[in-house]
């Protein structure tokens, strides 16, 4: 419970004050623990941030796994649309924290888990495409998984951070779905 309280406090401090102004002393105060207690679990700010980043990725990955499992049983157009909605929902979970974790925190402070979510999403996308090989046009599934994953990521990331008004807009999902479906197969139409 202490570790979770410290990580929750770390997230609050990062969102409120940014990475550069955050400190272990400030986090301990917000968590309601002594600085000594904090240092029992985390020797410095970088280890706090790496642990928070890893927890954040684990939470997102659990949702990703579930969404891909659900999408595996749906028709291609419906599945693509559901996965795009899932991407938007994932990015919108805590946009303030997402912004700090992606834009302010040095790569070294994020530790070895950096890129883990993206790598796993690309792997899941490739498996999704493999199961639908007969329905899609691309034959290089590694490249196709990369193109689809990065395209959806770019649009959803930009919407969450720069155009939040689009988040609840069906039109955004329609447009990204059309883009992905046209790439996968010129014969497939985006669902209406």
C-alpha atoms as a PDB file:
ATOM      1  CA  UNK A   1       0.000   0.000   0.000  1.00  0.00           C
ATOM      2  CA  UNK A   2       2.868   2.360   0.754  1.00  0.00           C
ATOM      3  CA  UNK A   3       4.413   1.821  -2.672  1.00  0.00           C
ATOM      4  CA  UNK A   4       1.062   2.445  -4.385  1.00  0.00           C
ATOM      5  CA  UNK A   5       0.535   5.620  -2.341  1.00  0.00           C
ATOM      6  CA  UNK A   6       4.005   6.813  -3.310  1.00  0.00           C
ATOM      7  CA  UNK A   7       3.402   6.062  -6.996  1.00  0.00           C
ATOM      8  CA  UNK A   8      -0.001   7.791  -6.905  1.00  0.00           C
ATOM      9  CA  UNK A   9       1.655  10.815  -5.308  1.00  0.00           C
ATOM     10  CA  UNK A  10       4.394  10.745  -7.944  1.00  0.00           C
ATOM     11  CA  UNK A  11       1.763  10.905 -10.690  1.00  0.00           C
ATOM     12  CA  UNK A  12       0.015  13.842  -9.009  1.00  0.00           C
ATOM     13  CA  UNK A  13       3.265  15.758  -8.513  1.00  0.00           C
ATOM     14  CA  UNK A  14       4.423  15.127 -12.083  1.00  0.00           C
ATOM     15  CA  UNK A  15       1.142  16.313 -13.564  1.00  0.00           C
ATOM     16  CA  UNK A  16       0.958  19.364 -11.329  1.00  0.00           C
ATOM     17  CA  UNK A  17       4.605  20.434 -11.335  1.00  0.00           C
ATOM     18  CA  UNK A  18       6.304  18.675 -14.246  1.00  0.00           C
ATOM     19  CA  UNK A  19       9.310  16.393 -14.215  1.00  0.00           C
ATOM     20  CA  UNK A  20      11.983  19.020 -13.649  1.00  0.00           C
ATOM     21  CA  UNK A  21      10.276  20.531 -10.583  1.00  0.00           C
ATOM     22  CA  UNK A  22       9.242  17.208  -9.034  1.00  0.00           C
ATOM     23  CA  UNK A  23      11.341  15.952  -6.141  1.00  0.00           C
ATOM     24  CA  UNK A  24      11.392  12.981  -3.806  1.00  0.00           C
ATOM     25  CA  UNK A  25      10.723  15.333  -0.886  1.00  0.00           C
ATOM     26  CA  UNK A  26       7.612  16.727  -2.584  1.00  0.00           C
ATOM     27  CA  UNK A  27       6.387  13.233  -3.483  1.00  0.00           C
ATOM     28  CA  UNK A  28       6.880  12.015   0.092  1.00  0.00           C
ATOM     29  CA  UNK A  29       4.873  14.973   1.388  1.00  0.00           C
ATOM     30  CA  UNK A  30       1.992  14.375  -1.014  1.00  0.00           C
ATOM     31  CA  UNK A  31       2.048  10.633  -0.244  1.00  0.00           C
ATOM     32  CA  UNK A  32       1.981  11.299   3.498  1.00  0.00           C
ATOM     33  CA  UNK A  33       5.137   9.293   4.165  1.00  0.00           C
ATOM     34  CA  UNK A  34       8.534  10.264   5.519  1.00  0.00           C
ATOM     35  CA  UNK A  35      11.373  10.778   3.073  1.00  0.00           C
ATOM     36  CA  UNK A  36      13.094   7.810   4.751  1.00  0.00           C
ATOM     37  CA  UNK A  37      10.126   5.586   3.971  1.00  0.00           C
ATOM     38  CA  UNK A  38      10.183   6.712   0.361  1.00  0.00           C
ATOM     39  CA  UNK A  39      13.912   5.940   0.129  1.00  0.00           C
ATOM     40  CA  UNK A  40      13.270   2.417   1.438  1.00  0.00           C
ATOM     41  CA  UNK A  41      11.500   1.695  -1.847  1.00  0.00           C
ATOM     42  CA  UNK A  42      12.936   4.230  -4.286  1.00  0.00           C
ATOM     43  CA  UNK A  43      16.515   5.531  -4.064  1.00  0.00           C
ATOM     44  CA  UNK A  44      15.905   8.589  -6.285  1.00  0.00           C
ATOM     45  CA  UNK A  45      13.464  10.456  -8.501  1.00  0.00           C
ATOM     46  CA  UNK A  46      14.453   8.428 -11.575  1.00  0.00           C
ATOM     47  CA  UNK A  47      13.540   5.138  -9.881  1.00  0.00           C
ATOM     48  CA  UNK A  48      10.179   6.613  -8.826  1.00  0.00           C
ATOM     49  CA  UNK A  49       9.436   7.689 -12.368  1.00  0.00           C
ATOM     50  CA  UNK A  50      10.566   4.368 -13.858  1.00  0.00           C
ATOM     51  CA  UNK A  51       8.274   2.475 -11.439  1.00  0.00           C
ATOM     52  CA  UNK A  52       5.345   4.785 -12.237  1.00  0.00           C
ATOM     53  CA  UNK A  53       5.976   4.424 -15.965  1.00  0.00           C
ATOM     54  CA  UNK A  54       6.125   0.642 -15.650  1.00  0.00           C
ATOM     55  CA  UNK A  55       2.867   0.559 -13.656  1.00  0.00           C
ATOM     56  CA  UNK A  56       1.195   2.810 -16.229  1.00  0.00           C
ATOM     57  CA  UNK A  57       2.307   0.523 -19.071  1.00  0.00           C
ATOM     58  CA  UNK A  58       1.142  -2.612 -17.237  1.00  0.00           C
ATOM     59  CA  UNK A  59      -2.320  -1.072 -16.767  1.00  0.00           C
ATOM     60  CA  UNK A  60      -2.522  -0.050 -20.417  1.00  0.00           C
ATOM     61  CA  UNK A  61      -1.249  -3.423 -21.602  1.00  0.00           C
ATOM     62  CA  UNK A  62      -3.988  -5.257 -19.689  1.00  0.00           C
ATOM     63  CA  UNK A  63      -6.591  -3.189 -21.552  1.00  0.00           C
ATOM     64  CA  UNK A  64      -4.829  -3.743 -24.889  1.00  0.00           C
ATOM     65  CA  UNK A  65      -4.772  -7.516 -24.375  1.00  0.00           C
ATOM     66  CA  UNK A  66      -8.492  -7.557 -23.604  1.00  0.00           C
ATOM     67  CA  UNK A  67      -9.401  -5.341 -26.574  1.00  0.00           C
ATOM     68  CA  UNK A  68      -7.440  -7.471 -29.044  1.00  0.00           C
ATOM     69  CA  UNK A  69      -9.090 -10.606 -27.676  1.00  0.00           C
ATOM     70  CA  UNK A  70     -12.546  -9.053 -28.187  1.00  0.00           C
ATOM     71  CA  UNK A  71     -11.639  -7.812 -31.673  1.00  0.00           C
ATOM     72  CA  UNK A  72     -10.397 -11.211 -32.803  1.00  0.00           C
ATOM     73  CA  UNK A  73     -13.991 -12.451 -33.065  1.00  0.00           C
ATOM     74  CA  UNK A  74     -15.419  -9.491 -35.007  1.00  0.00           C
ATOM     75  CA  UNK A  75     -15.516  -8.780 -38.756  1.00  0.00           C
ATOM     76  CA  UNK A  76     -12.482  -6.808 -39.990  1.00  0.00           C
ATOM     77  CA  UNK A  77     -14.187  -3.400 -40.255  1.00  0.00           C
ATOM     78  CA  UNK A  78     -15.845  -3.706 -36.861  1.00  0.00           C
ATOM     79  CA  UNK A  79     -12.623  -4.958 -35.263  1.00  0.00           C
ATOM     80  CA  UNK A  80     -10.514  -2.127 -36.683  1.00  0.00           C
ATOM     81  CA  UNK A  81     -13.021   0.442 -35.459  1.00  0.00           C
ATOM     82  CA  UNK A  82     -13.099  -1.135 -31.966  1.00  0.00           C
ATOM     83  CA  UNK A  83      -9.312  -1.155 -31.757  1.00  0.00           C
ATOM     84  CA  UNK A  84      -9.135   2.505 -32.772  1.00  0.00           C
ATOM     85  CA  UNK A  85     -11.684   3.408 -30.090  1.00  0.00           C
ATOM     86  CA  UNK A  86      -9.563   1.409 -27.632  1.00  0.00           C
ATOM     87  CA  UNK A  87      -6.480   3.398 -28.616  1.00  0.00           C
ATOM     88  CA  UNK A  88      -8.296   6.676 -28.053  1.00  0.00           C
ATOM     89  CA  UNK A  89      -9.637   5.467 -24.702  1.00  0.00           C
ATOM     90  CA  UNK A  90      -6.170   4.350 -23.608  1.00  0.00           C
ATOM     91  CA  UNK A  91      -4.625   7.685 -24.466  1.00  0.00           C
ATOM     92  CA  UNK A  92      -7.422   9.558 -22.727  1.00  0.00           C
ATOM     93  CA  UNK A  93      -7.174   7.646 -19.421  1.00  0.00           C
ATOM     94  CA  UNK A  94      -4.977  10.306 -17.823  1.00  0.00           C
ATOM     95  CA  UNK A  95      -3.886  12.737 -20.537  1.00  0.00           C
ATOM     96  CA  UNK A  96      -1.967  14.926 -18.090  1.00  0.00           C
ATOM     97  CA  UNK A  97       0.129  12.014 -16.889  1.00  0.00           C
ATOM     98  CA  UNK A  98       0.479  10.707 -20.431  1.00  0.00           C
ATOM     99  CA  UNK A  99       1.812  14.067 -21.579  1.00  0.00           C
ATOM    100  CA  UNK A 100       4.388  14.210 -18.770  1.00  0.00           C
ATOM    101  CA  UNK A 101       5.491  10.604 -19.243  1.00  0.00           C
ATOM    102  CA  UNK A 102       5.919  10.979 -23.000  1.00  0.00           C
ATOM    103  CA  UNK A 103       7.100  14.561 -23.377  1.00  0.00           C
ATOM    104  CA  UNK A 104       8.971  15.562 -20.220  1.00  0.00           C
ATOM    105  CA  UNK A 105      10.605  12.512 -18.748  1.00  0.00           C
ATOM    106  CA  UNK A 106      14.034  11.605 -20.095  1.00  0.00           C
ATOM    107  CA  UNK A 107      14.226   8.196 -21.748  1.00  0.00           C
ATOM    108  CA  UNK A 108      16.770   7.006 -19.168  1.00  0.00           C
ATOM    109  CA  UNK A 109      14.368   7.751 -16.306  1.00  0.00           C
ATOM    110  CA  UNK A 110      11.684   5.588 -17.911  1.00  0.00           C
ATOM    111  CA  UNK A 111      13.950   2.575 -17.598  1.00  0.00           C
ATOM    112  CA  UNK A 112      13.991  -0.576 -19.668  1.00  0.00           C
ATOM    113  CA  UNK A 113      10.193  -0.710 -20.059  1.00  0.00           C
ATOM    114  CA  UNK A 114      10.220   2.182 -22.518  1.00  0.00           C
ATOM    115  CA  UNK A 115       8.728   0.987 -25.764  1.00  0.00           C
ATOM    116  CA  UNK A 116       7.220  -2.121 -24.179  1.00  0.00           C
ATOM    117  CA  UNK A 117       3.622  -1.139 -24.819  1.00  0.00           C
ATOM    118  CA  UNK A 118       4.278  -0.110 -28.401  1.00  0.00           C
ATOM    119  CA  UNK A 119       6.176  -3.322 -29.058  1.00  0.00           C
ATOM    120  CA  UNK A 120       3.367  -5.424 -27.575  1.00  0.00           C
ATOM    121  CA  UNK A 121       0.676  -3.551 -29.526  1.00  0.00           C
ATOM    122  CA  UNK A 122       2.650  -4.093 -32.734  1.00  0.00           C
ATOM    123  CA  UNK A 123       2.971  -7.819 -31.921  1.00  0.00           C
ATOM    124  CA  UNK A 124      -0.764  -8.063 -31.220  1.00  0.00           C
ATOM    125  CA  UNK A 125      -1.532  -6.163 -34.428  1.00  0.00           C
ATOM    126  CA  UNK A 126       0.661  -8.542 -36.409  1.00  0.00           C
ATOM    127  CA  UNK A 127      -1.108 -11.572 -34.890  1.00  0.00           C
ATOM    128  CA  UNK A 128      -4.470  -9.923 -35.674  1.00  0.00           C
ATOM    129  CA  UNK A 129      -3.399  -9.420 -39.307  1.00  0.00           C
ATOM    130  CA  UNK A 130      -1.993 -12.944 -39.542  1.00  0.00           C
ATOM    131  CA  UNK A 131      -5.362 -14.373 -38.523  1.00  0.00           C
ATOM    132  CA  UNK A 132      -6.958 -12.309 -41.333  1.00  0.00           C
ATOM    133  CA  UNK A 133      -4.315 -12.889 -43.980  1.00  0.00           C
ATOM    134  CA  UNK A 134      -6.945 -13.914 -46.549  1.00  0.00           C
ATOM    135  CA  UNK A 135      -8.927 -10.679 -46.022  1.00  0.00           C
ATOM    136  CA  UNK A 136      -6.119  -8.173 -46.353  1.00  0.00           C
ATOM    137  CA  UNK A 137      -3.901  -6.918 -49.151  1.00  0.00           C
ATOM    138  CA  UNK A 138      -0.472  -6.469 -47.500  1.00  0.00           C
ATOM    139  CA  UNK A 139       1.735  -9.545 -47.574  1.00  0.00           C
ATOM    140  CA  UNK A 140       4.570  -8.244 -45.393  1.00  0.00           C
ATOM    141  CA  UNK A 141       2.739  -8.486 -42.083  1.00  0.00           C
ATOM    142  CA  UNK A 142       5.627  -7.107 -40.017  1.00  0.00           C
ATOM    143  CA  UNK A 143       5.589  -3.944 -42.103  1.00  0.00           C
ATOM    144  CA  UNK A 144       1.781  -3.799 -42.151  1.00  0.00           C
ATOM    145  CA  UNK A 145       1.610  -4.134 -38.359  1.00  0.00           C
ATOM    146  CA  UNK A 146       4.141  -1.314 -38.038  1.00  0.00           C
ATOM    147  CA  UNK A 147       2.256   0.957 -40.461  1.00  0.00           C
ATOM    148  CA  UNK A 148      -1.133   0.348 -38.816  1.00  0.00           C
ATOM    149  CA  UNK A 149       0.153   0.652 -35.251  1.00  0.00           C
ATOM    150  CA  UNK A 150       2.159   3.816 -35.864  1.00  0.00           C
ATOM    151  CA  UNK A 151      -0.630   5.469 -37.869  1.00  0.00           C
ATOM    152  CA  UNK A 152      -3.268   4.864 -35.208  1.00  0.00           C
ATOM    153  CA  UNK A 153      -0.824   5.877 -32.457  1.00  0.00           C
ATOM    154  CA  UNK A 154       0.077   9.131 -34.206  1.00  0.00           C
ATOM    155  CA  UNK A 155      -3.533  10.194 -34.702  1.00  0.00           C
ATOM    156  CA  UNK A 156      -4.765   9.218 -31.252  1.00  0.00           C
ATOM    157  CA  UNK A 157      -1.741  10.720 -29.516  1.00  0.00           C
ATOM    158  CA  UNK A 158      -2.214  13.999 -31.382  1.00  0.00           C
ATOM    159  CA  UNK A 159      -5.937  14.068 -30.611  1.00  0.00           C
ATOM    160  CA  UNK A 160      -5.428  13.478 -26.889  1.00  0.00           C
ATOM    161  CA  UNK A 161      -2.620  15.987 -26.495  1.00  0.00           C
ATOM    162  CA  UNK A 162      -3.402  18.635 -29.117  1.00  0.00           C
ATOM    163  CA  UNK A 163      -7.059  18.285 -30.163  1.00  0.00           C
ATOM    164  CA  UNK A 164      -8.994  16.913 -27.178  1.00  0.00           C
ATOM    165  CA  UNK A 165     -12.266  18.134 -28.709  1.00  0.00           C
ATOM    166  CA  UNK A 166     -12.000  15.247 -31.194  1.00  0.00           C
ATOM    167  CA  UNK A 167     -11.903  12.541 -28.513  1.00  0.00           C
ATOM    168  CA  UNK A 168     -15.641  11.969 -28.323  1.00  0.00           C
ATOM    169  CA  UNK A 169     -16.150  12.598 -32.031  1.00  0.00           C
ATOM    170  CA  UNK A 170     -17.275   9.562 -34.035  1.00  0.00           C
ATOM    171  CA  UNK A 171     -15.865  11.339 -37.068  1.00  0.00           C
ATOM    172  CA  UNK A 172     -12.308  10.859 -35.823  1.00  0.00           C
ATOM    173  CA  UNK A 173     -12.837   7.118 -35.470  1.00  0.00           C
ATOM    174  CA  UNK A 174     -14.542   7.029 -38.889  1.00  0.00           C
ATOM    175  CA  UNK A 175     -11.610   8.767 -40.572  1.00  0.00           C
ATOM    176  CA  UNK A 176      -8.879   6.685 -38.921  1.00  0.00           C
ATOM    177  CA  UNK A 177     -10.856   3.489 -39.615  1.00  0.00           C
ATOM    178  CA  UNK A 178     -11.244   4.438 -43.272  1.00  0.00           C
ATOM    179  CA  UNK A 179      -7.529   5.128 -43.536  1.00  0.00           C
ATOM    180  CA  UNK A 180      -6.550   1.786 -41.982  1.00  0.00           C
ATOM    181  CA  UNK A 181      -9.135  -0.240 -43.898  1.00  0.00           C
ATOM    182  CA  UNK A 182      -8.152   1.325 -47.217  1.00  0.00           C
ATOM    183  CA  UNK A 183      -4.545   0.466 -46.490  1.00  0.00           C
ATOM    184  CA  UNK A 184      -5.368  -3.118 -45.576  1.00  0.00           C
ATOM    185  CA  UNK A 185      -7.674  -3.766 -48.511  1.00  0.00           C
ATOM    186  CA  UNK A 186      -8.959  -1.416 -51.202  1.00  0.00           C
ATOM    187  CA  UNK A 187     -12.076  -3.630 -51.413  1.00  0.00           C
ATOM    188  CA  UNK A 188     -13.010  -3.141 -47.745  1.00  0.00           C
ATOM    189  CA  UNK A 189     -15.184  -0.200 -46.803  1.00  0.00           C
ATOM    190  CA  UNK A 190     -15.199   1.463 -43.421  1.00  0.00           C
ATOM    191  CA  UNK A 191     -18.329   0.556 -41.408  1.00  0.00           C
ATOM    192  CA  UNK A 192     -21.013   3.221 -41.268  1.00  0.00           C
END
